[in-house]
Amino acid sequence: MNFVPCDFRSLPAETLSPNTKTKTASDVAHFQEFLVKIRCYHGAIEDLPEATLSDYLFEFLSGVKKRTDGTDNQPDSLWALFASVKRHLISEDYKFSTSP
C-alpha cells in the first residue's frame, strides 16, 4: 500500500466525515469547558497566544491522561484529542504553529 503525504489544511471541511466533525466538536467543547472551569478563560481558543495555548493544552491533556477508573488513557486517545483541537484551530485560520 502506498501512502501519499497530504497537508489536511488544503482539504475542504466538507471532506471530513460526519463522525470526525462530531468528535472534533465534542473534543473542542471539552477543552473549552476546561478553559472556563480551570483557567477562567471565556474567549475563543484561536485567540490565545501560542505559548499560552501550548501550556493550556499540555495541562488539559495531562489531566485527561487518567481515566475515571485510575487507568491511563491510551496514547492514541490523547493524540485524537490534540488532533481535534488542531483541526479546529486550522479551520479558524489560527496564526501560530499547531505542531505537537
PDB file of N, CA and C in Angstrom:
ATOM      1  N   MET A   1       0.846  -1.161   0.000  1.00  0.00           N
ATOM      2  CA  MET A   1       0.000   0.000   0.000  1.00  0.00           C
ATOM      3  C   MET A   1       0.896   1.230   0.000  1.00  0.00           C
ATOM      4  N   ASN A   2       0.575   2.177  -0.861  1.00  0.00           N
ATOM      5  CA  ASN A   2       1.337   3.415  -0.942  1.00  0.00           C
ATOM      6  C   ASN A   2       0.546   4.543  -0.309  1.00  0.00           C
ATOM      7  N   PHE A   3       1.226   5.317   0.502  1.00  0.00           N
ATOM      8  CA  PHE A   3       0.602   6.470   1.130  1.00  0.00           C
ATOM      9  C   PHE A   3       1.198   7.725   0.529  1.00  0.00           C
ATOM     10  N   VAL A   4       0.356   8.681   0.260  1.00  0.00           N
ATOM     11  CA  VAL A   4       0.785   9.947  -0.307  1.00  0.00           C
ATOM     12  C   VAL A   4       0.666  10.996   0.786  1.00  0.00           C
ATOM     13  N   PRO A   5       1.763  11.731   1.058  1.00  0.00           N
ATOM     14  CA  PRO A   5       1.674  12.770   2.083  1.00  0.00           C
ATOM     15  C   PRO A   5       0.608  13.795   1.700  1.00  0.00           C
ATOM     16  N   CYS A   6      -0.102  14.273   2.696  1.00  0.00           N
ATOM     17  CA  CYS A   6      -1.179  15.221   2.442  1.00  0.00           C
ATOM     18  C   CYS A   6      -1.214  16.253   3.559  1.00  0.00           C
ATOM     19  N   ASP A   7      -1.310  17.496   3.179  1.00  0.00           N
ATOM     20  CA  ASP A   7      -1.500  18.560   4.152  1.00  0.00           C
ATOM     21  C   ASP A   7      -2.992  18.774   4.292  1.00  0.00           C
ATOM     22  N   PHE A   8      -3.580  18.366   5.440  1.00  0.00           N
ATOM     23  CA  PHE A   8      -5.026  18.432   5.541  1.00  0.00           C
ATOM     24  C   PHE A   8      -5.553  19.859   5.677  1.00  0.00           C
ATOM     25  N   ARG A   9      -4.643  20.841   5.734  1.00  0.00           N
ATOM     26  CA  ARG A   9      -5.086  22.238   5.704  1.00  0.00           C
ATOM     27  C   ARG A   9      -5.748  22.550   4.368  1.00  0.00           C
ATOM     28  N   SER A  10      -5.298  21.840   3.330  1.00  0.00           N
ATOM     29  CA  SER A  10      -5.812  22.115   1.996  1.00  0.00           C
ATOM     30  C   SER A  10      -7.111  21.383   1.696  1.00  0.00           C
ATOM     31  N   LEU A  11      -7.540  20.505   2.590  1.00  0.00           N
ATOM     32  CA  LEU A  11      -8.779  19.771   2.372  1.00  0.00           C
ATOM     33  C   LEU A  11      -9.968  20.620   2.803  1.00  0.00           C
ATOM     34  N   PRO A  12     -10.987  20.694   1.944  1.00  0.00           N
ATOM     35  CA  PRO A  12     -12.177  21.443   2.356  1.00  0.00           C
ATOM     36  C   PRO A  12     -12.870  20.758   3.528  1.00  0.00           C
ATOM     37  N   ALA A  13     -13.517  21.528   4.358  1.00  0.00           N
ATOM     38  CA  ALA A  13     -14.192  20.978   5.542  1.00  0.00           C
ATOM     39  C   ALA A  13     -15.236  19.947   5.151  1.00  0.00           C
ATOM     40  N   GLU A  14     -15.777  20.062   3.942  1.00  0.00           N
ATOM     41  CA  GLU A  14     -16.800  19.116   3.508  1.00  0.00           C
ATOM     42  C   GLU A  14     -16.252  17.698   3.363  1.00  0.00           C
ATOM     43  N   THR A  15     -14.933  17.553   3.276  1.00  0.00           N
ATOM     44  CA  THR A  15     -14.356  16.217   3.108  1.00  0.00           C
ATOM     45  C   THR A  15     -14.260  15.458   4.420  1.00  0.00           C
ATOM     46  N   LEU A  16     -14.461  16.138   5.536  1.00  0.00           N
ATOM     47  CA  LEU A  16     -14.434  15.465   6.830  1.00  0.00           C
ATOM     48  C   LEU A  16     -15.714  14.651   6.994  1.00  0.00           C
ATOM     49  N   SER A  17     -15.558  13.457   7.529  1.00  0.00           N
ATOM     50  CA  SER A  17     -16.734  12.613   7.747  1.00  0.00           C
ATOM     51  C   SER A  17     -17.601  13.217   8.850  1.00  0.00           C
ATOM     52  N   PRO A  18     -18.880  12.890   8.860  1.00  0.00           N
ATOM     53  CA  PRO A  18     -19.749  13.380   9.940  1.00  0.00           C
ATOM     54  C   PRO A  18     -19.236  12.958  11.321  1.00  0.00           C
ATOM     55  N   ASN A  19     -18.672  11.753  11.418  1.00  0.00           N
ATOM     56  CA  ASN A  19     -18.137  11.294  12.708  1.00  0.00           C
ATOM     57  C   ASN A  19     -16.962  12.156  13.155  1.00  0.00           C
ATOM     58  N   THR A  20     -16.097  12.526  12.212  1.00  0.00           N
ATOM     59  CA  THR A  20     -14.950  13.378  12.538  1.00  0.00           C
ATOM     60  C   THR A  20     -15.420  14.752  12.990  1.00  0.00           C
ATOM     61  N   LYS A  21     -16.416  15.290  12.297  1.00  0.00           N
ATOM     62  CA  LYS A  21     -16.949  16.602  12.684  1.00  0.00           C
ATOM     63  C   LYS A  21     -17.548  16.552  14.095  1.00  0.00           C
ATOM     64  N   THR A  22     -18.284  15.489  14.382  1.00  0.00           N
ATOM     65  CA  THR A  22     -18.902  15.341  15.700  1.00  0.00           C
ATOM     66  C   THR A  22     -17.845  15.193  16.782  1.00  0.00           C
ATOM     67  N   LYS A  23     -16.821  14.360  16.538  1.00  0.00           N
ATOM     68  CA  LYS A  23     -15.749  14.137  17.512  1.00  0.00           C
ATOM     69  C   LYS A  23     -14.975  15.432  17.744  1.00  0.00           C
ATOM     70  N   THR A  24     -14.685  16.145  16.674  1.00  0.00           N
ATOM     71  CA  THR A  24     -13.957  17.406  16.800  1.00  0.00           C
ATOM     72  C   THR A  24     -14.743  18.388  17.657  1.00  0.00           C
ATOM     73  N   ALA A  25     -16.029  18.537  17.370  1.00  0.00           N
ATOM     74  CA  ALA A  25     -16.862  19.468  18.140  1.00  0.00           C
ATOM     75  C   ALA A  25     -16.921  19.061  19.610  1.00  0.00           C
ATOM     76  N   SER A  26     -17.035  17.770  19.879  1.00  0.00           N
ATOM     77  CA  SER A  26     -17.097  17.278  21.257  1.00  0.00           C
ATOM     78  C   SER A  26     -15.782  17.523  21.989  1.00  0.00           C
ATOM     79  N   ASP A  27     -14.671  17.187  21.349  1.00  0.00           N
ATOM     80  CA  ASP A  27     -13.362  17.368  21.985  1.00  0.00           C
ATOM     81  C   ASP A  27     -13.059  18.840  22.239  1.00  0.00           C
ATOM     82  N   VAL A  28     -13.395  19.692  21.277  1.00  0.00           N
ATOM     83  CA  VAL A  28     -13.167  21.130  21.441  1.00  0.00           C
ATOM     84  C   VAL A  28     -14.043  21.668  22.581  1.00  0.00           C
ATOM     85  N   ALA A  29     -15.268  21.167  22.691  1.00  0.00           N
ATOM     86  CA  ALA A  29     -16.147  21.583  23.785  1.00  0.00           C
ATOM     87  C   ALA A  29     -15.558  21.183  25.134  1.00  0.00           C
ATOM     88  N   HIS A  30     -14.956  19.991  25.218  1.00  0.00           N
ATOM     89  CA  HIS A  30     -14.313  19.566  26.469  1.00  0.00           C
ATOM     90  C   HIS A  30     -13.131  20.472  26.805  1.00  0.00           C
ATOM     91  N   PHE A  31     -12.348  20.837  25.789  1.00  0.00           N
ATOM     92  CA  PHE A  31     -11.211  21.728  26.023  1.00  0.00           C
ATOM     93  C   PHE A  31     -11.705  23.110  26.453  1.00  0.00           C
ATOM     94  N   GLN A  32     -12.767  23.612  25.814  1.00  0.00           N
ATOM     95  CA  GLN A  32     -13.313  24.914  26.200  1.00  0.00           C
ATOM     96  C   GLN A  32     -13.871  24.873  27.624  1.00  0.00           C
ATOM     97  N   GLU A  33     -14.494  23.767  27.988  1.00  0.00           N
ATOM     98  CA  GLU A  33     -15.000  23.617  29.358  1.00  0.00           C
ATOM     99  C   GLU A  33     -13.844  23.655  30.361  1.00  0.00           C
ATOM    100  N   PHE A  34     -12.739  22.983  30.020  1.00  0.00           N
ATOM    101  CA  PHE A  34     -11.534  23.025  30.862  1.00  0.00           C
ATOM    102  C   PHE A  34     -11.045  24.468  31.002  1.00  0.00           C
ATOM    103  N   LEU A  35     -10.999  25.195  29.878  1.00  0.00           N
ATOM    104  CA  LEU A  35     -10.510  26.575  29.915  1.00  0.00           C
ATOM    105  C   LEU A  35     -11.371  27.448  30.833  1.00  0.00           C
ATOM    106  N   VAL A  36     -12.666  27.248  30.795  1.00  0.00           N
ATOM    107  CA  VAL A  36     -13.569  28.053  31.626  1.00  0.00           C
ATOM    108  C   VAL A  36     -13.445  27.656  33.097  1.00  0.00           C
ATOM    109  N   LYS A  37     -13.509  26.351  33.379  1.00  0.00           N
ATOM    110  CA  LYS A  37     -13.532  25.894  34.771  1.00  0.00           C
ATOM    111  C   LYS A  37     -12.179  25.975  35.472  1.00  0.00           C
ATOM    112  N   ILE A  38     -11.117  25.659  34.761  1.00  0.00           N
ATOM    113  CA  ILE A  38      -9.793  25.588  35.390  1.00  0.00           C
ATOM    114  C   ILE A  38      -9.000  26.875  35.190  1.00  0.00           C
ATOM    115  N   ARG A  39      -9.110  27.476  34.028  1.00  0.00           N
ATOM    116  CA  ARG A  39      -8.306  28.653  33.706  1.00  0.00           C
ATOM    117  C   ARG A  39      -9.092  29.956  33.684  1.00  0.00           C
ATOM    118  N   CYS A  40     -10.406  29.876  33.920  1.00  0.00           N
ATOM    119  CA  CYS A  40     -11.268  31.060  33.911  1.00  0.00           C
ATOM    120  C   CYS A  40     -11.115  31.870  32.621  1.00  0.00           C
ATOM    121  N   TYR A  41     -10.923  31.159  31.523  1.00  0.00           N
ATOM    122  CA  TYR A  41     -10.788  31.802  30.213  1.00  0.00           C
ATOM    123  C   TYR A  41     -12.089  31.585  29.456  1.00  0.00           C
ATOM    124  N   HIS A  42     -12.727  32.678  29.032  1.00  0.00           N
ATOM    125  CA  HIS A  42     -14.022  32.598  28.365  1.00  0.00           C
ATOM    126  C   HIS A  42     -13.960  32.989  26.899  1.00  0.00           C
ATOM    127  N   GLY A  43     -12.770  33.225  26.373  1.00  0.00           N
ATOM    128  CA  GLY A  43     -12.633  33.638  24.984  1.00  0.00           C
ATOM    129  C   GLY A  43     -12.526  32.452  24.037  1.00  0.00           C
ATOM    130  N   ALA A  44     -12.308  32.762  22.786  1.00  0.00           N
ATOM    131  CA  ALA A  44     -12.149  31.736  21.755  1.00  0.00           C
ATOM    132  C   ALA A  44     -10.758  31.107  21.857  1.00  0.00           C
ATOM    133  N   ILE A  45     -10.692  29.818  21.616  1.00  0.00           N
ATOM    134  CA  ILE A  45      -9.410  29.103  21.665  1.00  0.00           C
ATOM    135  C   ILE A  45      -8.408  29.740  20.714  1.00  0.00           C
ATOM    136  N   GLU A  46      -8.886  30.085  19.524  1.00  0.00           N
ATOM    137  CA  GLU A  46      -7.986  30.618  18.493  1.00  0.00           C
ATOM    138  C   GLU A  46      -7.470  32.016  18.815  1.00  0.00           C
ATOM    139  N   ASP A  47      -7.990  32.659  19.864  1.00  0.00           N
ATOM    140  CA  ASP A  47      -7.498  33.974  20.265  1.00  0.00           C
ATOM    141  C   ASP A  47      -6.368  33.893  21.298  1.00  0.00           C
ATOM    142  N   LEU A  48      -6.080  32.692  21.782  1.00  0.00           N
ATOM    143  CA  LEU A  48      -4.998  32.527  22.754  1.00  0.00           C
ATOM    144  C   LEU A  48      -3.641  32.679  22.078  1.00  0.00           C
ATOM    145  N   PRO A  49      -2.689  33.337  22.727  1.00  0.00           N
ATOM    146  CA  PRO A  49      -1.328  33.377  22.197  1.00  0.00           C
ATOM    147  C   PRO A  49      -0.746  31.964  22.157  1.00  0.00           C
ATOM    148  N   GLU A  50       0.175  31.739  21.258  1.00  0.00           N
ATOM    149  CA  GLU A  50       0.744  30.407  21.034  1.00  0.00           C
ATOM    150  C   GLU A  50       1.288  29.766  22.315  1.00  0.00           C
ATOM    151  N   ALA A  51       2.081  30.496  23.080  1.00  0.00           N
ATOM    152  CA  ALA A  51       2.691  29.929  24.294  1.00  0.00           C
ATOM    153  C   ALA A  51       1.624  29.572  25.326  1.00  0.00           C
ATOM    154  N   THR A  52       0.624  30.424  25.471  1.00  0.00           N
ATOM    155  CA  THR A  52      -0.449  30.169  26.429  1.00  0.00           C
ATOM    156  C   THR A  52      -1.260  28.954  25.997  1.00  0.00           C
ATOM    157  N   LEU A  53      -1.607  28.889  24.717  1.00  0.00           N
ATOM    158  CA  LEU A  53      -2.351  27.743  24.196  1.00  0.00           C
ATOM    159  C   LEU A  53      -1.568  26.454  24.412  1.00  0.00           C
ATOM    160  N   SER A  54      -0.293  26.492  24.158  1.00  0.00           N
ATOM    161  CA  SER A  54       0.556  25.320  24.353  1.00  0.00           C
ATOM    162  C   SER A  54       0.528  24.859  25.818  1.00  0.00           C
ATOM    163  N   ASP A  55       0.659  25.814  26.730  1.00  0.00           N
ATOM    164  CA  ASP A  55       0.623  25.481  28.163  1.00  0.00           C
ATOM    165  C   ASP A  55      -0.731  24.896  28.567  1.00  0.00           C
ATOM    166  N   TYR A  56      -1.805  25.516  28.104  1.00  0.00           N
ATOM    167  CA  TYR A  56      -3.151  25.047  28.456  1.00  0.00           C
ATOM    168  C   TYR A  56      -3.436  23.668  27.858  1.00  0.00           C
ATOM    169  N   LEU A  57      -3.005  23.453  26.619  1.00  0.00           N
ATOM    170  CA  LEU A  57      -3.195  22.134  26.000  1.00  0.00           C
ATOM    171  C   LEU A  57      -2.431  21.063  26.757  1.00  0.00           C
ATOM    172  N   PHE A  58      -1.209  21.385  27.152  1.00  0.00           N
ATOM    173  CA  PHE A  58      -0.412  20.425  27.919  1.00  0.00           C
ATOM    174  C   PHE A  58      -1.110  20.085  29.233  1.00  0.00           C
ATOM    175  N   GLU A  59      -1.599  21.111  29.918  1.00  0.00           N
ATOM    176  CA  GLU A  59      -2.286  20.898  31.188  1.00  0.00           C
ATOM    177  C   GLU A  59      -3.574  20.083  30.980  1.00  0.00           C
ATOM    178  N   PHE A  60      -4.320  20.400  29.940  1.00  0.00           N
ATOM    179  CA  PHE A  60      -5.560  19.680  29.637  1.00  0.00           C
ATOM    180  C   PHE A  60      -5.274  18.210  29.325  1.00  0.00           C
ATOM    181  N   LEU A  61      -4.323  17.963  28.431  1.00  0.00           N
ATOM    182  CA  LEU A  61      -4.011  16.584  28.049  1.00  0.00           C
ATOM    183  C   LEU A  61      -3.413  15.807  29.212  1.00  0.00           C
ATOM    184  N   SER A  62      -2.653  16.466  30.060  1.00  0.00           N
ATOM    185  CA  SER A  62      -2.112  15.794  31.249  1.00  0.00           C
ATOM    186  C   SER A  62      -3.234  15.413  32.205  1.00  0.00           C
ATOM    187  N   GLY A  63      -4.241  16.252  32.287  1.00  0.00           N
ATOM    188  CA  GLY A  63      -5.362  15.987  33.173  1.00  0.00           C
ATOM    189  C   GLY A  63      -6.251  14.862  32.699  1.00  0.00           C
ATOM    190  N   VAL A  64      -6.369  14.696  31.395  1.00  0.00           N
ATOM    191  CA  VAL A  64      -7.220  13.618  30.875  1.00  0.00           C
ATOM    192  C   VAL A  64      -6.420  12.347  30.628  1.00  0.00           C
ATOM    193  N   LYS A  65      -5.156  12.371  31.034  1.00  0.00           N
ATOM    194  CA  LYS A  65      -4.312  11.186  30.858  1.00  0.00           C
ATOM    195  C   LYS A  65      -4.881  10.000  31.629  1.00  0.00           C
ATOM    196  N   LYS A  66      -5.490  10.291  32.754  1.00  0.00           N
ATOM    197  CA  LYS A  66      -6.072   9.232  33.595  1.00  0.00           C
ATOM    198  C   LYS A  66      -7.572   9.124  33.337  1.00  0.00           C
ATOM    199  N   ARG A  67      -8.047   7.904  33.270  1.00  0.00           N
ATOM    200  CA  ARG A  67      -9.486   7.661  33.185  1.00  0.00           C
ATOM    201  C   ARG A  67     -10.080   7.743  34.581  1.00  0.00           C
ATOM    202  N   THR A  68     -11.391   7.751  34.656  1.00  0.00           N
ATOM    203  CA  THR A  68     -12.042   7.845  35.963  1.00  0.00           C
ATOM    204  C   THR A  68     -11.761   6.624  36.826  1.00  0.00           C
ATOM    205  N   ASP A  69     -11.413   5.478  36.197  1.00  0.00           N
ATOM    206  CA  ASP A  69     -11.099   4.285  36.995  1.00  0.00           C
ATOM    207  C   ASP A  69      -9.635   4.245  37.425  1.00  0.00           C
ATOM    208  N   GLY A  70      -8.863   5.303  37.105  1.00  0.00           N
ATOM    209  CA  GLY A  70      -7.471   5.387  37.536  1.00  0.00           C
ATOM    210  C   GLY A  70      -6.461   4.853  36.541  1.00  0.00           C
ATOM    211  N   THR A  71      -6.931   4.172  35.491  1.00  0.00           N
ATOM    212  CA  THR A  71      -6.006   3.662  34.482  1.00  0.00           C
ATOM    213  C   THR A  71      -5.688   4.768  33.485  1.00  0.00           C
ATOM    214  N   ASP A  72      -4.569   4.591  32.797  1.00  0.00           N
ATOM    215  CA  ASP A  72      -4.160   5.584  31.796  1.00  0.00           C
ATOM    216  C   ASP A  72      -4.984   5.448  30.528  1.00  0.00           C
ATOM    217  N   ASN A  73      -5.328   6.599  29.922  1.00  0.00           N
ATOM    218  CA  ASN A  73      -5.879   6.587  28.580  1.00  0.00           C
ATOM    219  C   ASN A  73      -4.791   6.139  27.619  1.00  0.00           C
ATOM    220  N   GLN A  74      -5.184   5.547  26.529  1.00  0.00           N
ATOM    221  CA  GLN A  74      -4.220   5.146  25.511  1.00  0.00           C
ATOM    222  C   GLN A  74      -3.619   6.395  24.869  1.00  0.00           C
ATOM    223  N   PRO A  75      -2.343   6.345  24.482  1.00  0.00           N
ATOM    224  CA  PRO A  75      -1.728   7.500  23.812  1.00  0.00           C
ATOM    225  C   PRO A  75      -2.511   7.932  22.572  1.00  0.00           C
ATOM    226  N   ASP A  76      -3.097   6.967  21.868  1.00  0.00           N
ATOM    227  CA  ASP A  76      -3.885   7.318  20.689  1.00  0.00           C
ATOM    228  C   ASP A  76      -5.082   8.186  21.057  1.00  0.00           C
ATOM    229  N   SER A  77      -5.657   7.950  22.229  1.00  0.00           N
ATOM    230  CA  SER A  77      -6.795   8.758  22.669  1.00  0.00           C
ATOM    231  C   SER A  77      -6.369  10.204  22.920  1.00  0.00           C
ATOM    232  N   LEU A  78      -5.205  10.374  23.528  1.00  0.00           N
ATOM    233  CA  LEU A  78      -4.697  11.723  23.780  1.00  0.00           C
ATOM    234  C   LEU A  78      -4.338  12.411  22.468  1.00  0.00           C
ATOM    235  N   TRP A  79      -3.752  11.635  21.550  1.00  0.00           N
ATOM    236  CA  TRP A  79      -3.404  12.196  20.242  1.00  0.00           C
ATOM    237  C   TRP A  79      -4.669  12.627  19.507  1.00  0.00           C
ATOM    238  N   ALA A  80      -5.740  11.842  19.604  1.00  0.00           N
ATOM    239  CA  ALA A  80      -7.000  12.176  18.939  1.00  0.00           C
ATOM    240  C   ALA A  80      -7.575  13.480  19.499  1.00  0.00           C
ATOM    241  N   LEU A  81      -7.473  13.680  20.817  1.00  0.00           N
ATOM    242  CA  LEU A  81      -7.918  14.940  21.418  1.00  0.00           C
ATOM    243  C   LEU A  81      -7.116  16.116  20.865  1.00  0.00           C
ATOM    244  N   PHE A  82      -5.804  15.945  20.808  1.00  0.00           N
ATOM    245  CA  PHE A  82      -4.944  17.001  20.271  1.00  0.00           C
ATOM    246  C   PHE A  82      -5.299  17.283  18.812  1.00  0.00           C
ATOM    247  N   ALA A  83      -5.495  16.216  18.023  1.00  0.00           N
ATOM    248  CA  ALA A  83      -5.816  16.368  16.598  1.00  0.00           C
ATOM    249  C   ALA A  83      -7.134  17.116  16.412  1.00  0.00           C
ATOM    250  N   SER A  84      -8.099  16.865  17.283  1.00  0.00           N
ATOM    251  CA  SER A  84      -9.379  17.574  17.199  1.00  0.00           C
ATOM    252  C   SER A  84      -9.184  19.074  17.427  1.00  0.00           C
ATOM    253  N   VAL A  85      -8.425  19.422  18.451  1.00  0.00           N
ATOM    254  CA  VAL A  85      -8.169  20.838  18.720  1.00  0.00           C
ATOM    255  C   VAL A  85      -7.402  21.451  17.556  1.00  0.00           C
ATOM    256  N   LYS A  86      -6.450  20.715  17.019  1.00  0.00           N
ATOM    257  CA  LYS A  86      -5.677  21.213  15.880  1.00  0.00           C
ATOM    258  C   LYS A  86      -6.579  21.440  14.664  1.00  0.00           C
ATOM    259  N   ARG A  87      -7.481  20.491  14.388  1.00  0.00           N
ATOM    260  CA  ARG A  87      -8.417  20.664  13.271  1.00  0.00           C
ATOM    261  C   ARG A  87      -9.244  21.930  13.458  1.00  0.00           C
ATOM    262  N   HIS A  88      -9.706  22.144  14.688  1.00  0.00           N
ATOM    263  CA  HIS A  88     -10.482  23.347  14.979  1.00  0.00           C
ATOM    264  C   HIS A  88      -9.654  24.606  14.712  1.00  0.00           C
ATOM    265  N   LEU A  89      -8.439  24.624  15.206  1.00  0.00           N
ATOM    266  CA  LEU A  89      -7.587  25.801  15.026  1.00  0.00           C
ATOM    267  C   LEU A  89      -7.306  26.064  13.551  1.00  0.00           C
ATOM    268  N   ILE A  90      -7.063  25.015  12.797  1.00  0.00           N
ATOM    269  CA  ILE A  90      -6.811  25.182  11.366  1.00  0.00           C
ATOM    270  C   ILE A  90      -8.057  25.728  10.681  1.00  0.00           C
ATOM    271  N   SER A  91      -9.218  25.220  11.058  1.00  0.00           N
ATOM    272  CA  SER A  91     -10.462  25.700  10.441  1.00  0.00           C
ATOM    273  C   SER A  91     -10.714  27.173  10.769  1.00  0.00           C
ATOM    274  N   GLU A  92     -10.161  27.638  11.878  1.00  0.00           N
ATOM    275  CA  GLU A  92     -10.312  29.034  12.293  1.00  0.00           C
ATOM    276  C   GLU A  92      -9.129  29.898  11.853  1.00  0.00           C
ATOM    277  N   ASP A  93      -8.257  29.353  10.983  1.00  0.00           N
ATOM    278  CA  ASP A  93      -7.076  30.074  10.478  1.00  0.00           C
ATOM    279  C   ASP A  93      -6.183  30.596  11.601  1.00  0.00           C
ATOM    280  N   TYR A  94      -5.930  29.727  12.578  1.00  0.00           N
ATOM    281  CA  TYR A  94      -5.042  30.082  13.687  1.00  0.00           C
ATOM    282  C   TYR A  94      -3.694  30.504  13.138  1.00  0.00           C
ATOM    283  N   LYS A  95      -3.169  31.589  13.647  1.00  0.00           N
ATOM    284  CA  LYS A  95      -1.976  32.202  13.049  1.00  0.00           C
ATOM    285  C   LYS A  95      -0.650  31.650  13.521  1.00  0.00           C
ATOM    286  N   PHE A  96      -0.681  30.711  14.472  1.00  0.00           N
ATOM    287  CA  PHE A  96       0.559  30.169  15.001  1.00  0.00           C
ATOM    288  C   PHE A  96       0.692  28.693  14.659  1.00  0.00           C
ATOM    289  N   SER A  97       1.818  28.112  14.992  1.00  0.00           N
ATOM    290  CA  SER A  97       2.071  26.704  14.752  1.00  0.00           C
ATOM    291  C   SER A  97       1.156  25.852  15.614  1.00  0.00           C
ATOM    292  N   THR A  98       0.695  24.732  15.045  1.00  0.00           N
ATOM    293  CA  THR A  98      -0.130  23.801  15.812  1.00  0.00           C
ATOM    294  C   THR A  98       0.548  22.435  15.875  1.00  0.00           C
ATOM    295  N   SER A  99       1.867  22.440  15.845  1.00  0.00           N
ATOM    296  CA  SER A  99       2.611  21.186  15.944  1.00  0.00           C
ATOM    297  C   SER A  99       2.654  20.737  17.398  1.00  0.00           C
ATOM    298  N   PRO A 100       2.742  19.414  17.609  1.00  0.00           N
ATOM    299  CA  PRO A 100       2.810  18.915  18.992  1.00  0.00           C
ATOM    300  C   PRO A 100       4.106  19.305  19.657  1.00  0.00           C
TER     301      PRO A 100
END
